[in-house]
Amino acid sequence: MKKEVEQVIQAARELIQQRYQKDGHHFVVAAALLTYNGNLYTGLNLGTTQPSVAMCAETSAIARAVMAEEDMKIKLIAVARDKEAYLVSPCGRCREFIADYGDKNTLVVVPADNDKGYDVRKISDLLPVKYEKKCQ
């Protein structure tokens, strides 16, 4: 599992560096996810002049994975931001997306004050009471 964690962290960080070199953006977020099928997908945040319609990097990566794999489920995801590519925890909206396109065992890399600089948590720990639409 450690190799997979390092793989998604590195992919997110490389995408940020590519974006900075290409466009010189001042606020970049990148996400990398690994599916249970073993495929890696990345995504960037897409900002607009209207912040409420912007797209998070996690959503972008999930969309790419859904387009490529019919029965896609997220196994592991990491998110990094800014030129330094430091790890960040997904926002609440993205946690819902991750839970919807993963399962209760989907793993999320989160920043931590330890030797590695990160920890790995289940999405069910980060989103303990997931929204469920119930039809009557």
C-alpha atoms as a PDB file:
ATOM      1  CA  MET A   1       0.000   0.000   0.000  1.00  0.00           C
ATOM      2  CA  LYS A   2       2.864   2.410   0.747  1.00  0.00           C
ATOM      3  CA  LYS A   3       3.978   2.237  -2.896  1.00  0.00           C
ATOM      4  CA  GLU A   4       0.471   3.127  -4.078  1.00  0.00           C
ATOM      5  CA  VAL A   5       0.255   6.042  -1.624  1.00  0.00           C
ATOM      6  CA  GLU A   6       3.581   7.409  -2.843  1.00  0.00           C
ATOM      7  CA  GLN A   7       2.418   6.927  -6.457  1.00  0.00           C
ATOM      8  CA  VAL A   8      -0.710   9.079  -6.078  1.00  0.00           C
ATOM      9  CA  ILE A   9       1.116  11.760  -4.052  1.00  0.00           C
ATOM     10  CA  GLN A  10       3.840  11.983  -6.698  1.00  0.00           C
ATOM     11  CA  ALA A  11       1.307  12.144  -9.553  1.00  0.00           C
ATOM     12  CA  ALA A  12      -0.552  15.044  -7.905  1.00  0.00           C
ATOM     13  CA  ARG A  13       2.690  16.905  -7.214  1.00  0.00           C
ATOM     14  CA  GLU A  14       3.991  16.392 -10.767  1.00  0.00           C
ATOM     15  CA  LEU A  15       0.746  17.734 -12.225  1.00  0.00           C
ATOM     16  CA  ILE A  16       1.052  20.885 -10.126  1.00  0.00           C
ATOM     17  CA  GLN A  17       4.635  21.450 -11.262  1.00  0.00           C
ATOM     18  CA  GLN A  18       3.615  21.010 -14.918  1.00  0.00           C
ATOM     19  CA  ARG A  19       0.772  23.476 -14.486  1.00  0.00           C
ATOM     20  CA  TYR A  20       2.996  26.101 -12.842  1.00  0.00           C
ATOM     21  CA  GLN A  21       5.652  25.789 -15.518  1.00  0.00           C
ATOM     22  CA  LYS A  22       3.055  26.061 -18.281  1.00  0.00           C
ATOM     23  CA  ASP A  23       0.765  28.819 -17.031  1.00  0.00           C
ATOM     24  CA  GLY A  24       2.323  30.378 -13.933  1.00  0.00           C
ATOM     25  CA  HIS A  25      -0.950  30.055 -12.028  1.00  0.00           C
ATOM     26  CA  HIS A  26      -0.964  31.294  -8.457  1.00  0.00           C
ATOM     27  CA  PHE A  27      -3.537  28.856  -7.092  1.00  0.00           C
ATOM     28  CA  VAL A  28      -3.403  25.318  -8.372  1.00  0.00           C
ATOM     29  CA  VAL A  29      -4.846  22.191  -6.814  1.00  0.00           C
ATOM     30  CA  ALA A  30      -4.175  18.752  -8.262  1.00  0.00           C
ATOM     31  CA  ALA A  31      -5.648  15.386  -7.360  1.00  0.00           C
ATOM     32  CA  ALA A  32      -4.531  11.893  -8.266  1.00  0.00           C
ATOM     33  CA  LEU A  33      -6.609   8.796  -7.702  1.00  0.00           C
ATOM     34  CA  LEU A  34      -6.042   5.096  -8.092  1.00  0.00           C
ATOM     35  CA  THR A  35      -8.965   2.827  -8.967  1.00  0.00           C
ATOM     36  CA  TYR A  36      -9.479  -0.729  -7.784  1.00  0.00           C
ATOM     37  CA  ASN A  37      -8.651  -1.712 -11.394  1.00  0.00           C
ATOM     38  CA  GLY A  38      -5.144  -0.288 -10.859  1.00  0.00           C
ATOM     39  CA  ASN A  39      -5.515   2.748 -13.117  1.00  0.00           C
ATOM     40  CA  LEU A  40      -4.243   6.211 -12.157  1.00  0.00           C
ATOM     41  CA  TYR A  41      -6.166   9.398 -13.027  1.00  0.00           C
ATOM     42  CA  THR A  42      -5.300  13.013 -12.306  1.00  0.00           C
ATOM     43  CA  GLY A  43      -7.271  16.242 -12.322  1.00  0.00           C
ATOM     44  CA  LEU A  44      -6.810  19.968 -11.779  1.00  0.00           C
ATOM     45  CA  ASN A  45      -9.045  22.567 -10.223  1.00  0.00           C
ATOM     46  CA  LEU A  46     -10.756  24.780 -12.769  1.00  0.00           C
ATOM     47  CA  GLY A  47     -11.275  28.298 -11.539  1.00  0.00           C
ATOM     48  CA  THR A  48     -13.679  30.796 -13.008  1.00  0.00           C
ATOM     49  CA  THR A  49     -14.509  34.427 -12.393  1.00  0.00           C
ATOM     50  CA  GLN A  50     -17.506  33.120 -10.422  1.00  0.00           C
ATOM     51  CA  PRO A  51     -16.013  31.024  -7.568  1.00  0.00           C
ATOM     52  CA  SER A  52     -19.258  29.190  -6.837  1.00  0.00           C
ATOM     53  CA  VAL A  53     -19.070  27.431 -10.212  1.00  0.00           C
ATOM     54  CA  ALA A  54     -15.417  26.399 -10.003  1.00  0.00           C
ATOM     55  CA  MET A  55     -14.499  22.707 -10.170  1.00  0.00           C
ATOM     56  CA  CYS A  56     -12.271  21.081  -7.575  1.00  0.00           C
ATOM     57  CA  ALA A  57      -9.345  18.902  -8.640  1.00  0.00           C
ATOM     58  CA  GLU A  58     -10.907  15.836  -7.025  1.00  0.00           C
ATOM     59  CA  THR A  59     -14.054  16.218  -9.113  1.00  0.00           C
ATOM     60  CA  SER A  60     -11.966  16.651 -12.255  1.00  0.00           C
ATOM     61  CA  ALA A  61      -9.988  13.460 -11.564  1.00  0.00           C
ATOM     62  CA  ILE A  62     -13.166  11.535 -10.741  1.00  0.00           C
ATOM     63  CA  ALA A  63     -14.770  12.701 -14.009  1.00  0.00           C
ATOM     64  CA  ARG A  64     -11.774  11.462 -16.010  1.00  0.00           C
ATOM     65  CA  ALA A  65     -11.922   8.097 -14.265  1.00  0.00           C
ATOM     66  CA  VAL A  66     -15.677   7.723 -14.789  1.00  0.00           C
ATOM     67  CA  MET A  67     -15.281   8.462 -18.509  1.00  0.00           C
ATOM     68  CA  ALA A  68     -12.536   5.827 -18.837  1.00  0.00           C
ATOM     69  CA  GLU A  69     -13.866   2.981 -16.692  1.00  0.00           C
ATOM     70  CA  GLU A  70     -17.402   1.621 -16.766  1.00  0.00           C
ATOM     71  CA  ASP A  71     -17.543   0.347 -13.183  1.00  0.00           C
ATOM     72  CA  MET A  72     -14.974   2.662 -11.641  1.00  0.00           C
ATOM     73  CA  LYS A  73     -14.456   2.720  -7.864  1.00  0.00           C
ATOM     74  CA  ILE A  74     -11.828   4.867  -6.144  1.00  0.00           C
ATOM     75  CA  LYS A  75      -9.306   2.909  -4.102  1.00  0.00           C
ATOM     76  CA  LEU A  76      -7.023   5.783  -3.052  1.00  0.00           C
ATOM     77  CA  ILE A  77      -6.850   9.556  -3.608  1.00  0.00           C
ATOM     78  CA  ALA A  78      -4.391  12.344  -2.759  1.00  0.00           C
ATOM     79  CA  VAL A  79      -4.711  16.113  -3.189  1.00  0.00           C
ATOM     80  CA  ALA A  80      -1.941  18.722  -3.303  1.00  0.00           C
ATOM     81  CA  ARG A  81      -1.942  22.486  -3.841  1.00  0.00           C
ATOM     82  CA  ASP A  82       0.156  25.497  -4.740  1.00  0.00           C
ATOM     83  CA  LYS A  83       3.675  25.641  -6.124  1.00  0.00           C
ATOM     84  CA  GLU A  84       5.084  23.823  -3.086  1.00  0.00           C
ATOM     85  CA  ALA A  85       2.615  20.978  -3.778  1.00  0.00           C
ATOM     86  CA  TYR A  86       1.816  20.419  -0.132  1.00  0.00           C
ATOM     87  CA  LEU A  87      -0.895  17.903   0.719  1.00  0.00           C
ATOM     88  CA  VAL A  88      -4.380  19.066   1.621  1.00  0.00           C
ATOM     89  CA  SER A  89      -7.490  17.311   2.841  1.00  0.00           C
ATOM     90  CA  PRO A  90     -10.501  17.269   0.485  1.00  0.00           C
ATOM     91  CA  CYS A  91     -13.293  19.767   1.186  1.00  0.00           C
ATOM     92  CA  GLY A  92     -16.717  18.529   2.319  1.00  0.00           C
ATOM     93  CA  ARG A  93     -18.192  18.593  -1.186  1.00  0.00           C
ATOM     94  CA  CYS A  94     -15.317  16.522  -2.534  1.00  0.00           C
ATOM     95  CA  ARG A  95     -15.599  14.065   0.345  1.00  0.00           C
ATOM     96  CA  GLU A  96     -19.164  13.420  -0.819  1.00  0.00           C
ATOM     97  CA  PHE A  97     -17.938  12.824  -4.385  1.00  0.00           C
ATOM     98  CA  ILE A  98     -15.176  10.501  -3.167  1.00  0.00           C
ATOM     99  CA  ALA A  99     -17.667   8.536  -1.049  1.00  0.00           C
ATOM    100  CA  ASP A 100     -20.131   8.310  -3.962  1.00  0.00           C
ATOM    101  CA  TYR A 101     -17.505   7.036  -6.418  1.00  0.00           C
ATOM    102  CA  GLY A 102     -15.597   4.903  -3.946  1.00  0.00           C
ATOM    103  CA  ASP A 103     -16.721   2.697  -1.118  1.00  0.00           C
ATOM    104  CA  LYS A 104     -16.426   2.743   2.669  1.00  0.00           C
ATOM    105  CA  ASN A 105     -12.837   1.453   2.361  1.00  0.00           C
ATOM    106  CA  THR A 106     -11.651   4.131  -0.090  1.00  0.00           C
ATOM    107  CA  LEU A 107      -8.473   5.688   1.290  1.00  0.00           C
ATOM    108  CA  VAL A 108      -7.663   9.401   1.379  1.00  0.00           C
ATOM    109  CA  VAL A 109      -4.178  10.795   1.925  1.00  0.00           C
ATOM    110  CA  VAL A 110      -4.350  13.680   4.416  1.00  0.00           C
ATOM    111  CA  PRO A 111      -1.617  15.973   5.769  1.00  0.00           C
ATOM    112  CA  ALA A 112      -0.197  14.989   9.143  1.00  0.00           C
ATOM    113  CA  ASP A 113       2.470  16.192  11.529  1.00  0.00           C
ATOM    114  CA  ASN A 114       4.612  13.048  11.401  1.00  0.00           C
ATOM    115  CA  ASP A 115       7.793  11.772   9.729  1.00  0.00           C
ATOM    116  CA  LYS A 116       6.037  11.118   6.403  1.00  0.00           C
ATOM    117  CA  GLY A 117       4.053  14.365   6.373  1.00  0.00           C
ATOM    118  CA  TYR A 118       0.853  12.468   5.673  1.00  0.00           C
ATOM    119  CA  ASP A 119      -1.571   9.927   7.034  1.00  0.00           C
ATOM    120  CA  VAL A 120      -4.020   7.653   5.230  1.00  0.00           C
ATOM    121  CA  ARG A 121      -7.654   7.591   6.350  1.00  0.00           C
ATOM    122  CA  LYS A 122     -10.785   5.827   5.179  1.00  0.00           C
ATOM    123  CA  ILE A 123     -13.328   8.121   3.565  1.00  0.00           C
ATOM    124  CA  SER A 124     -15.871   6.777   6.061  1.00  0.00           C
ATOM    125  CA  ASP A 125     -13.728   8.307   8.851  1.00  0.00           C
ATOM    126  CA  LEU A 126     -13.553  11.684   7.080  1.00  0.00           C
ATOM    127  CA  LEU A 127     -17.255  11.613   6.242  1.00  0.00           C
ATOM    128  CA  PRO A 128     -18.898   9.584   9.018  1.00  0.00           C
ATOM    129  CA  VAL A 129     -22.480  10.581   8.227  1.00  0.00           C
ATOM    130  CA  LYS A 130     -22.726  10.485   4.443  1.00  0.00           C
ATOM    131  CA  TYR A 131     -25.725  12.052   2.731  1.00  0.00           C
ATOM    132  CA  GLU A 132     -28.148   9.363   1.567  1.00  0.00           C
ATOM    133  CA  LYS A 133     -31.107  10.145  -0.641  1.00  0.00           C
ATOM    134  CA  LYS A 134     -33.995   7.959   0.440  1.00  0.00           C
ATOM    135  CA  CYS A 135     -37.111   7.650  -1.669  1.00  0.00           C
ATOM    136  CA  GLN A 136     -40.402   6.898   0.076  1.00  0.00           C
END
